[in-house]
């Protein structure tokens, strides 16, 4: 019995020995190609990517070094098995071992899918890391430490869920019901965490569009203003001028109008109206205001400071003055200094400021008659 089995094995090996040898050669070539691919990804490609100006290619090469080896091994195994099936009739359709060999081919195909998925996952993670780190660096924020782990997990779960679904489908187990359940569960989670997701997406929109950056002074639609000190995953923190922190959800920040005093350039204008008395010499007052603005060392000469007589008011003559300073952060300080200089110079020049006033004209005769009438009334009553 044993001898008969050994004879059959020997006959099978003698008959298909060359085919098995070719299968082994395919496997050897696969290992060599996988080894060479990993060596190239670890040594040669980094030298080439180091010459470029971006770090994206360096990250992608590093991330692909290990998955590319697994993908090549799985793909080489699959090709070797297909070549073996084409040479041995027992492994072909209607052969004695067609069903068993079919399972082996399906397993090899599953390994190919997992290997390619690992490679795609690594490349996408590298691109995501580079892009989010670049965004965080440009916005001077540390939100990438919160966002990256979440995005990585979501990306990996999504890719491997798709890969496993395809693998099960190859084995004859369609996952339509599971995919439907996963979709309903995702919808339920999205509805439950709607506010959190809205704030996260709002924060991402802020960091991509960059309407403001850390250190910028902004003013919100409700009139509140301050310096941006942090752009987080869920909220933006603004340091107000009184020292208190204003925390605004990113959803509101992304959907509201914001005045950014740092854009498009940090220069800021100082504009204000000054009302002088009706009897003031307008040319003299304009010259005085211009002189004080030009004398300040931090007021820019370009654009040139200007003073305009804008309108007559019940309180006096309104003069509008305007000048520019290098930084919006110095605007309030320089405004204070200019106002002190202007009021001192106006007092020295005997120029009076306008103020609400009204005139009452009453002649002496009319006043005396009014007094006599009042005295007569009191006498008659007595």
Protein backbone atom coordinates (compact mmCIF):
# COMPACT_ATOMS: atom_id res chain seq x y z
CA UNK A 1 0.00 0.00 0.00
CA UNK A 2 2.72 2.45 1.04
CA UNK A 3 4.83 1.39 -1.88
CA UNK A 4 1.97 2.01 -4.27
CA UNK A 5 1.46 5.53 -2.86
CA UNK A 6 5.16 6.31 -3.09
CA UNK A 7 5.19 5.10 -6.67
CA UNK A 8 2.28 7.38 -7.56
CA UNK A 9 3.98 10.34 -5.90
CA UNK A 10 7.19 9.61 -7.75
CA UNK A 11 5.34 9.31 -11.03
CA UNK A 12 3.58 12.61 -10.38
CA UNK A 13 6.86 14.30 -9.49
CA UNK A 14 8.66 12.79 -12.45
CA UNK A 15 5.83 13.81 -14.78
CA UNK A 16 5.41 17.38 -13.45
CA UNK A 17 8.81 17.91 -11.87
CA UNK A 18 9.80 20.57 -14.39
CA UNK A 19 6.53 22.41 -13.78
CA UNK A 20 7.14 22.48 -10.02
CA UNK A 21 10.70 23.62 -10.66
CA UNK A 22 9.38 26.52 -12.76
CA UNK A 23 6.95 27.33 -9.92
CA UNK A 24 9.87 27.43 -7.50
CA UNK A 25 11.82 29.64 -9.92
CA UNK A 26 8.88 32.06 -10.05
CA UNK A 27 8.87 32.22 -6.26
CA UNK A 28 12.61 32.85 -6.18
CA UNK A 29 12.29 35.67 -8.71
CA UNK A 30 9.45 37.10 -6.61
CA UNK A 31 11.63 37.16 -3.49
CA UNK A 32 14.47 38.78 -5.42
CA UNK A 33 12.19 41.45 -6.89
CA UNK A 34 10.65 42.13 -3.46
CA UNK A 35 14.11 42.41 -1.88
CA UNK A 36 15.30 44.72 -4.69
CA UNK A 37 12.16 46.86 -4.42
CA UNK A 38 12.65 47.34 -0.71
CA UNK A 39 16.34 48.16 -1.16
CA UNK A 40 15.50 50.71 -3.86
CA UNK A 41 12.77 52.27 -1.71
CA UNK A 42 15.12 52.52 1.28
CA UNK A 43 18.38 53.61 -0.32
CA UNK A 44 18.13 54.84 -3.90
CA UNK A 45 14.81 56.71 -3.93
CA UNK A 46 15.57 58.77 -0.78
CA UNK A 47 18.67 60.13 -2.52
CA UNK A 48 16.56 61.23 -5.47
CA UNK A 49 13.76 62.73 -3.37
CA UNK A 50 16.28 64.61 -1.21
CA UNK A 51 17.00 66.85 -4.20
CA UNK A 52 13.43 68.12 -4.41
CA UNK A 53 12.07 71.13 -2.53
CA UNK A 54 9.11 69.31 -0.97
CA UNK A 55 9.07 66.72 1.80
CA UNK A 56 6.02 64.94 0.34
CA UNK A 57 8.00 62.53 -1.84
CA UNK A 58 10.35 61.70 1.06
CA UNK A 59 7.41 60.81 3.29
CA UNK A 60 5.78 58.67 0.59
CA UNK A 61 8.97 56.74 -0.17
CA UNK A 62 9.50 56.02 3.53
CA UNK A 63 5.89 54.92 3.96
CA UNK A 64 5.99 52.65 0.89
CA UNK A 65 9.22 50.80 1.76
CA UNK A 66 7.61 47.97 3.75
CA UNK A 67 4.14 47.66 2.11
CA UNK A 68 5.64 47.49 -1.37
CA UNK A 69 7.59 44.37 -0.39
CA UNK A 70 4.45 42.66 0.90
CA UNK A 71 2.50 43.64 -2.21
CA UNK A 72 5.22 42.26 -4.52
CA UNK A 73 5.40 38.98 -2.58
CA UNK A 74 1.63 38.50 -2.68
CA UNK A 75 1.44 39.39 -6.36
CA UNK A 76 4.35 37.10 -7.21
CA UNK A 77 2.73 34.19 -5.33
CA UNK A 78 -0.49 34.73 -7.24
CA UNK A 79 1.34 34.80 -10.62
CA UNK A 80 3.33 31.67 -9.69
CA UNK A 81 0.18 29.75 -8.77
CA UNK A 82 -1.55 30.76 -11.99
CA UNK A 83 1.48 29.58 -13.96
CA UNK A 84 1.42 26.26 -12.08
CA UNK A 85 -2.29 25.81 -12.75
CA UNK A 86 -1.73 26.33 -16.45
CA UNK A 87 0.84 23.52 -16.52
CA UNK A 88 -0.76 20.81 -14.38
CA UNK A 89 -4.14 19.43 -15.61
CA UNK A 90 -5.19 18.28 -12.10
CA UNK A 91 -5.32 21.92 -10.98
CA UNK A 92 -7.30 23.09 -13.99
CA UNK A 93 -11.06 23.13 -14.48
CA UNK A 94 -12.56 19.64 -14.20
CA UNK A 95 -9.29 18.45 -12.71
CA UNK A 96 -9.08 16.26 -9.59
CA UNK A 97 -7.80 19.09 -7.39
CA UNK A 98 -9.47 22.08 -9.07
CA UNK A 99 -11.62 23.01 -6.05
CA UNK A 100 -8.77 22.77 -3.55
CA UNK A 101 -6.44 24.70 -5.82
CA UNK A 102 -9.15 27.30 -6.33
CA UNK A 103 -9.13 27.99 -2.58
CA UNK A 104 -5.35 28.42 -2.69
CA UNK A 105 -5.72 30.92 -5.55
CA UNK A 106 -8.41 32.81 -3.60
CA UNK A 107 -6.13 33.03 -0.56
CA UNK A 108 -3.31 34.34 -2.76
CA UNK A 109 -5.69 36.87 -4.27
CA UNK A 110 -6.74 37.96 -0.77
CA UNK A 111 -3.08 38.48 0.12
CA UNK A 112 -2.66 40.63 -3.00
CA UNK A 113 -5.67 42.76 -2.01
CA UNK A 114 -4.33 43.19 1.54
CA UNK A 115 -0.84 44.03 0.26
CA UNK A 116 -2.12 46.65 -2.20
CA UNK A 117 -4.41 48.07 0.50
CA UNK A 118 -1.47 48.37 2.90
CA UNK A 119 0.53 50.17 0.20
CA UNK A 120 -2.31 52.60 -0.61
CA UNK A 121 -2.92 53.18 3.11
CA UNK A 122 0.74 54.01 3.68
CA UNK A 123 0.90 56.41 0.73
CA UNK A 124 -2.32 58.19 1.69
CA UNK A 125 -1.21 58.49 5.31
CA UNK A 126 2.11 59.99 4.21
CA UNK A 127 0.35 62.52 1.97
CA UNK A 128 -2.13 63.36 4.74
CA UNK A 129 0.63 63.79 7.34
CA UNK A 130 2.57 66.08 5.04
CA UNK A 131 -0.44 68.20 4.10
CA UNK A 132 -1.82 68.58 7.63
CA UNK A 133 1.63 69.28 9.12
CA UNK A 134 2.19 71.88 6.41
CA UNK A 135 -1.18 73.50 7.17
CA UNK A 136 -0.45 73.52 10.90
CA UNK A 137 2.99 75.07 10.33
CA UNK A 138 1.57 77.83 8.12
CA UNK A 139 -1.20 78.60 10.61
CA UNK A 140 1.23 78.32 13.57
CA UNK A 141 -1.16 75.93 15.29
CA UNK A 142 -0.80 72.59 17.05
CA UNK A 143 -4.15 71.22 15.95
CA UNK A 144 -2.43 68.58 13.79
CA UNK A 145 -1.65 66.65 17.00
CA UNK A 146 -5.40 66.29 17.54
CA UNK A 147 -6.47 65.82 13.94
CA UNK A 148 -3.88 63.41 12.58
CA UNK A 149 -4.59 60.39 14.83
CA UNK A 150 -8.31 60.65 14.09
CA UNK A 151 -7.85 60.94 10.33
CA UNK A 152 -5.37 58.06 10.29
CA UNK A 153 -7.76 55.73 12.10
CA UNK A 154 -10.72 56.68 9.95
CA UNK A 155 -8.70 56.23 6.75
CA UNK A 156 -7.33 52.82 7.80
CA UNK A 157 -10.74 51.55 8.91
CA UNK A 158 -12.33 52.65 5.65
CA UNK A 159 -9.66 51.13 3.39
CA UNK A 160 -9.44 47.80 5.21
CA UNK A 161 -13.23 47.56 5.46
CA UNK A 162 -13.43 47.86 1.67
CA UNK A 163 -10.58 45.34 1.24
CA UNK A 164 -12.17 42.76 3.56
CA UNK A 165 -15.52 43.22 1.81
CA UNK A 166 -13.88 42.45 -1.55
CA UNK A 167 -12.07 39.42 -0.07
CA UNK A 168 -15.26 37.94 1.39
CA UNK A 169 -17.00 38.50 -1.92
CA UNK A 170 -14.23 36.50 -3.62
CA UNK A 171 -14.94 33.58 -1.27
CA UNK A 172 -18.65 33.72 -2.07
CA UNK A 173 -19.81 35.61 1.03
CA UNK A 174 -21.22 38.98 -0.11
CA UNK A 175 -21.35 41.59 2.64
CA UNK A 176 -24.23 43.67 1.31
CA UNK A 177 -26.13 43.46 4.58
CA UNK A 178 -23.02 44.35 6.59
CA UNK A 179 -22.29 47.35 4.36
CA UNK A 180 -25.89 48.53 4.74
CA UNK A 181 -25.67 48.16 8.52
CA UNK A 182 -22.37 50.04 8.57
CA UNK A 183 -23.93 52.84 6.53
CA UNK A 184 -26.89 53.15 8.90
CA UNK A 185 -24.56 53.10 11.92
CA UNK A 186 -22.38 55.80 10.35
CA UNK A 187 -25.45 57.94 9.73
CA UNK A 188 -26.57 57.52 13.35
CA UNK A 189 -23.11 58.47 14.63
CA UNK A 190 -22.99 61.49 12.33
CA UNK A 191 -26.37 62.71 13.58
CA UNK A 192 -25.41 62.18 17.22
CA UNK A 193 -22.11 64.03 16.82
CA UNK A 194 -23.40 66.68 14.44
CA UNK A 195 -22.13 69.65 16.44
CA UNK A 196 -18.69 68.12 16.97
CA UNK A 197 -18.37 67.22 13.29
CA UNK A 198 -19.53 70.69 12.26
CA UNK A 199 -16.88 72.30 14.46
CA UNK A 200 -14.19 69.96 13.16
CA UNK A 201 -15.08 70.67 9.55
CA UNK A 202 -15.27 74.38 10.34
CA UNK A 203 -11.80 74.25 11.89
CA UNK A 204 -10.46 72.42 8.84
CA UNK A 205 -12.03 75.02 6.55
CA UNK A 206 -10.43 77.84 8.58
CA UNK A 207 -7.01 76.20 8.44
CA UNK A 208 -7.24 75.58 4.69
CA UNK A 209 -8.70 78.97 3.73
CA UNK A 210 -6.66 80.86 6.38
CA UNK A 211 -8.86 83.95 6.85
CA UNK A 212 -6.78 84.60 9.97
CA UNK A 213 -3.69 83.18 11.68
CA UNK A 214 -2.38 82.95 15.19
CA UNK A 215 -1.24 86.42 16.24
CA UNK A 216 -3.70 88.30 14.01
CA UNK A 217 -6.07 90.83 15.56
CA UNK A 218 -9.62 90.24 14.36
CA UNK A 219 -13.04 91.72 14.98
CA UNK A 220 -16.19 89.58 15.00
CA UNK A 221 -19.57 90.52 13.62
CA UNK A 222 -20.85 91.30 17.14
CA UNK A 223 -18.10 93.89 17.67
CA UNK A 224 -15.88 91.80 19.93
CA UNK A 225 -12.21 91.85 18.97
CA UNK A 226 -8.84 90.55 20.10
CA UNK A 227 -5.75 88.57 19.17
CA UNK A 228 -6.05 84.98 17.91
CA UNK A 229 -4.01 82.82 20.27
CA UNK A 230 -5.08 79.31 19.22
CA UNK A 231 -6.92 77.58 16.37
CA UNK A 232 -8.00 74.21 17.71
CA UNK A 233 -9.88 71.27 16.30
CA UNK A 234 -13.22 72.38 17.76
CA UNK A 235 -12.83 76.06 18.70
CA UNK A 236 -10.81 79.22 18.17
CA UNK A 237 -9.48 81.14 21.18
CA UNK A 238 -9.25 84.94 21.03
CA UNK A 239 -7.47 87.03 23.66
CA UNK A 240 -9.49 90.19 24.15
CA UNK A 241 -7.90 93.53 25.04
CA UNK A 242 -9.07 93.18 28.64
CA UNK A 243 -7.02 89.98 28.95
CA UNK A 244 -9.97 87.57 28.95
CA UNK A 245 -10.18 84.67 26.52
CA UNK A 246 -13.08 84.48 24.07
CA UNK A 247 -13.73 80.89 22.91
CA UNK A 248 -15.73 80.67 19.68
CA UNK A 249 -16.85 77.36 18.06
CA UNK A 250 -15.22 76.84 14.69
CA UNK A 251 -18.62 76.35 13.07
CA UNK A 252 -19.55 79.94 13.97
CA UNK A 253 -16.14 81.30 12.97
CA UNK A 254 -16.33 79.65 9.54
CA UNK A 255 -19.86 80.92 8.82
CA UNK A 256 -19.57 84.53 10.03
CA UNK A 257 -17.94 87.71 8.76
CA UNK A 258 -14.60 88.55 10.34
CA UNK A 259 -12.51 91.72 10.02
CA UNK A 260 -8.82 90.83 10.01
CA UNK A 261 -6.65 93.86 10.69
CA UNK A 262 -3.51 91.93 9.67
CA UNK A 263 -4.65 91.31 6.07
CA UNK A 264 -3.83 92.01 3.31
CA UNK A 265 -0.85 93.71 5.05
CA UNK A 266 -0.12 94.63 8.68
CA UNK A 267 -0.23 98.38 8.05
CA UNK A 268 -3.19 100.14 9.67
CA UNK A 269 -4.93 103.46 9.18
CA UNK A 270 -5.74 105.93 11.94
CA UNK A 271 -8.91 107.80 11.02
CA UNK A 272 -10.96 110.13 13.19
CA UNK A 273 -13.13 113.23 12.99
CA UNK A 274 -12.39 116.36 15.04
CA UNK A 275 -14.98 119.12 15.41
CA UNK A 276 -13.71 122.67 15.99
CA UNK A 277 -15.65 125.82 16.89
CA UNK A 278 -17.61 127.67 14.20
CA UNK A 279 -15.31 130.68 14.46
CA UNK A 280 -12.12 128.66 13.89
CA UNK A 281 -9.81 129.43 10.96
CA UNK A 282 -10.20 126.16 9.01
CA UNK A 283 -6.89 126.44 7.15
CA UNK A 284 -5.02 127.04 10.39
CA UNK A 285 -6.69 124.02 12.06
CA UNK A 286 -5.93 121.78 9.06
CA UNK A 287 -2.28 122.85 9.02
CA UNK A 288 -1.99 122.17 12.75
CA UNK A 289 -3.38 118.63 12.42
CA UNK A 290 -1.11 117.86 9.47
CA UNK A 291 1.91 119.19 11.37
CA UNK A 292 1.23 116.94 14.37
CA UNK A 293 0.79 113.82 12.21
CA UNK A 294 3.92 114.45 10.18
CA UNK A 295 5.93 115.14 13.33
CA UNK A 296 5.20 111.71 14.80
CA UNK A 297 8.13 109.36 13.99
CA UNK A 298 5.92 106.30 13.50
CA UNK A 299 3.41 107.88 11.09
CA UNK A 300 4.20 106.82 7.52
CA UNK A 301 4.93 109.36 4.83
CA UNK A 302 3.52 107.06 2.15
CA UNK A 303 0.52 107.15 2.03
CA UNK A 304 0.65 110.83 2.88
CA UNK A 305 -1.33 111.99 5.95
CA UNK A 306 -4.35 114.09 5.09
CA UNK A 307 -6.92 116.44 6.64
CA UNK A 308 -10.26 117.33 5.01
CA UNK A 309 -13.02 119.75 5.96
CA UNK A 310 -15.95 117.37 5.61
CA UNK A 311 -19.13 119.11 6.81
CA UNK A 312 -20.87 121.72 8.91
CA UNK A 313 -22.52 120.42 12.06
CA UNK A 314 -24.60 122.05 14.80
CA UNK A 315 -21.62 121.55 17.10
CA UNK A 316 -19.02 123.14 14.83
CA UNK A 317 -16.86 122.46 11.78
CA UNK A 318 -15.92 118.81 11.28
CA UNK A 319 -12.37 118.00 10.11
CA UNK A 320 -11.49 114.44 9.12
CA UNK A 321 -7.86 113.35 9.61
CA UNK A 322 -6.19 110.14 8.40
CA UNK A 323 -2.70 108.65 8.46
CA UNK A 324 -1.03 105.19 8.31
CA UNK A 325 1.23 103.29 10.69
CA UNK A 326 3.42 100.25 10.11
CA UNK A 327 1.51 97.77 12.29
CA UNK A 328 -2.08 97.47 13.41
CA UNK A 329 -0.72 96.45 16.83
CA UNK A 330 0.63 100.01 17.33
CA UNK A 331 -2.53 101.77 16.17
CA UNK A 332 -4.12 102.41 19.57
CA UNK A 333 -0.88 103.59 21.17
CA UNK A 334 -0.06 105.98 18.33
CA UNK A 335 -3.67 107.25 18.28
CA UNK A 336 -3.36 108.08 21.98
CA UNK A 337 -0.06 109.90 21.44
CA UNK A 338 -1.41 111.87 18.49
CA UNK A 339 -4.50 112.94 20.42
CA UNK A 340 -2.36 114.20 23.30
CA UNK A 341 -0.16 116.16 20.89
CA UNK A 342 -3.15 117.60 19.02
CA UNK A 343 -5.05 118.82 22.08
CA UNK A 344 -1.88 120.44 23.48
CA UNK A 345 -1.14 122.17 20.18
CA UNK A 346 -4.75 123.38 19.79
CA UNK A 347 -4.72 124.93 23.25
CA UNK A 348 -1.45 126.71 22.48
CA UNK A 349 -2.90 127.98 19.18
CA UNK A 350 -6.15 129.05 20.90
CA UNK A 351 -8.26 126.76 18.71
CA UNK A 352 -11.42 125.69 20.48
CA UNK A 353 -13.15 122.37 20.01
CA UNK A 354 -16.79 122.34 19.01
CA UNK A 355 -19.42 121.23 21.50
CA UNK A 356 -23.23 121.15 21.68
CA UNK A 357 -24.54 124.66 22.39
CA UNK A 358 -27.67 126.79 22.02
CA UNK A 359 -28.28 130.54 22.12
CA UNK A 360 -31.10 132.32 24.02
CA UNK A 361 -31.72 135.99 23.06
CA UNK A 362 -33.72 138.04 25.61
CA UNK A 363 -33.83 141.85 25.53
CA UNK A 364 -33.65 143.91 28.79
CA UNK A 365 -37.00 145.64 28.21
CA UNK A 366 -38.81 142.36 27.78
CA UNK A 367 -37.15 141.02 30.92
CA UNK A 368 -38.22 144.06 32.99
CA UNK A 369 -41.80 143.81 31.76
CA UNK A 370 -41.88 140.14 32.64
CA UNK A 371 -40.63 140.89 36.16
CA UNK A 372 -43.26 143.64 36.65
CA UNK A 373 -46.04 141.30 35.57
CA UNK A 374 -44.88 138.69 38.05
CA UNK A 375 -44.72 141.28 40.88
CA UNK A 376 -48.20 142.56 40.02
CA UNK A 377 -49.62 139.07 40.23
CA UNK A 378 -48.09 138.51 43.65
CA UNK A 379 -49.41 141.94 44.91
CA UNK A 380 -52.97 141.27 43.79
CA UNK A 381 -52.92 137.89 45.45
CA UNK A 382 -51.74 139.42 48.72
